[in-house]
């Protein structure tokens, strides 16, 4: 069943109301907006896996380890170990 063009325009114009209604009815939409860790995790994976022209593109648009504030489990373990070592001295 095709969707009417005016209905799509109306939804886009009132997207804040549509999002609110989805959150009330379903309750699963807002958690993805508020949880940025997933997005940062994906960007971290892409920056680590990229090579060649894709890596050049990521550098050009400013996506790198310094600008992407994502802490993976390995980094967290290293930080915890460093803090433990520093407190022993």
Protein backbone atom coordinates (compact mmCIF):
# COMPACT_ATOMS: atom_id res chain seq x y z
CA UNK A 1 0.00 0.00 0.00
CA UNK A 2 1.62 3.29 -1.09
CA UNK A 3 2.07 6.12 1.39
CA UNK A 4 0.64 9.50 0.49
CA UNK A 5 3.13 12.28 -0.17
CA UNK A 6 1.27 14.74 2.08
CA UNK A 7 1.32 12.28 4.98
CA UNK A 8 5.11 11.94 4.74
CA UNK A 9 5.53 15.73 4.63
CA UNK A 10 3.27 16.06 7.67
CA UNK A 11 5.25 13.42 9.59
CA UNK A 12 8.54 15.14 8.79
CA UNK A 13 7.16 18.52 9.73
CA UNK A 14 5.94 17.16 13.07
CA UNK A 15 8.66 14.62 13.73
CA UNK A 16 9.01 15.66 17.37
CA UNK A 17 5.40 14.63 17.93
CA UNK A 18 5.87 11.38 16.00
CA UNK A 19 8.94 10.49 18.07
CA UNK A 20 7.10 11.27 21.28
CA UNK A 21 4.16 9.09 20.23
CA UNK A 22 6.48 6.21 19.30
CA UNK A 23 8.19 6.51 22.68
CA UNK A 24 4.84 6.43 24.48
CA UNK A 25 3.45 3.50 22.47
CA UNK A 26 6.52 1.33 21.97
CA UNK A 27 9.05 2.68 24.44
CA UNK A 28 12.15 1.50 22.59
CA UNK A 29 12.97 4.48 20.38
CA UNK A 30 14.36 6.95 22.91
CA UNK A 31 17.03 4.62 24.32
CA UNK A 32 18.83 4.65 20.97
CA UNK A 33 18.88 8.45 20.88
CA UNK A 34 20.15 8.76 24.43
CA UNK A 35 22.73 5.98 24.17
CA UNK A 36 25.62 7.37 22.16
CA UNK A 37 27.99 4.57 23.19
CA UNK A 38 26.69 2.39 20.36
CA UNK A 39 27.46 5.05 17.76
CA UNK A 40 30.90 5.71 19.22
CA UNK A 41 31.55 1.96 19.32
CA UNK A 42 30.69 1.59 15.65
CA UNK A 43 32.90 4.56 14.76
CA UNK A 44 35.74 3.04 16.78
CA UNK A 45 35.36 -0.25 14.94
CA UNK A 46 35.33 1.53 11.57
CA UNK A 47 38.43 3.59 12.38
CA UNK A 48 40.32 0.50 13.53
CA UNK A 49 39.28 -1.61 10.53
CA UNK A 50 39.63 1.05 7.82
CA UNK A 51 42.55 1.16 5.42
CA UNK A 52 43.37 2.83 2.14
CA UNK A 53 40.89 5.34 0.73
CA UNK A 54 38.40 4.80 3.57
CA UNK A 55 41.05 5.66 6.19
CA UNK A 56 41.95 8.78 4.19
CA UNK A 57 38.29 9.78 4.09
CA UNK A 58 37.91 9.28 7.85
CA UNK A 59 40.99 11.45 8.46
CA UNK A 60 39.61 14.15 6.15
CA UNK A 61 36.28 14.34 7.99
CA UNK A 62 37.91 14.20 11.42
CA UNK A 63 36.97 10.76 12.71
CA UNK A 64 39.92 9.31 14.58
CA UNK A 65 40.83 7.89 17.97
CA UNK A 66 41.39 11.35 19.47
CA UNK A 67 37.97 12.71 18.48
CA UNK A 68 35.95 9.57 19.19
CA UNK A 69 35.41 9.31 22.95
CA UNK A 70 34.62 5.62 23.29
CA UNK A 71 36.05 3.41 25.99
CA UNK A 72 36.15 -0.26 25.15
CA UNK A 73 36.67 -2.96 27.74
CA UNK A 74 40.39 -3.31 27.02
CA UNK A 75 40.99 0.41 27.60
CA UNK A 76 38.98 0.27 30.82
CA UNK A 77 41.03 -2.65 32.14
CA UNK A 78 44.28 -0.80 31.34
CA UNK A 79 43.06 2.29 33.20
CA UNK A 80 42.03 0.21 36.21
CA UNK A 81 45.41 -1.57 36.26
CA UNK A 82 47.28 1.75 36.06
CA UNK A 83 45.29 3.18 38.94
CA UNK A 84 45.94 0.08 41.03
CA UNK A 85 49.69 0.23 40.27
CA UNK A 86 49.83 3.95 41.15
CA UNK A 87 48.07 3.43 44.48
CA UNK A 88 50.54 0.68 45.49
CA UNK A 89 53.48 3.08 45.41
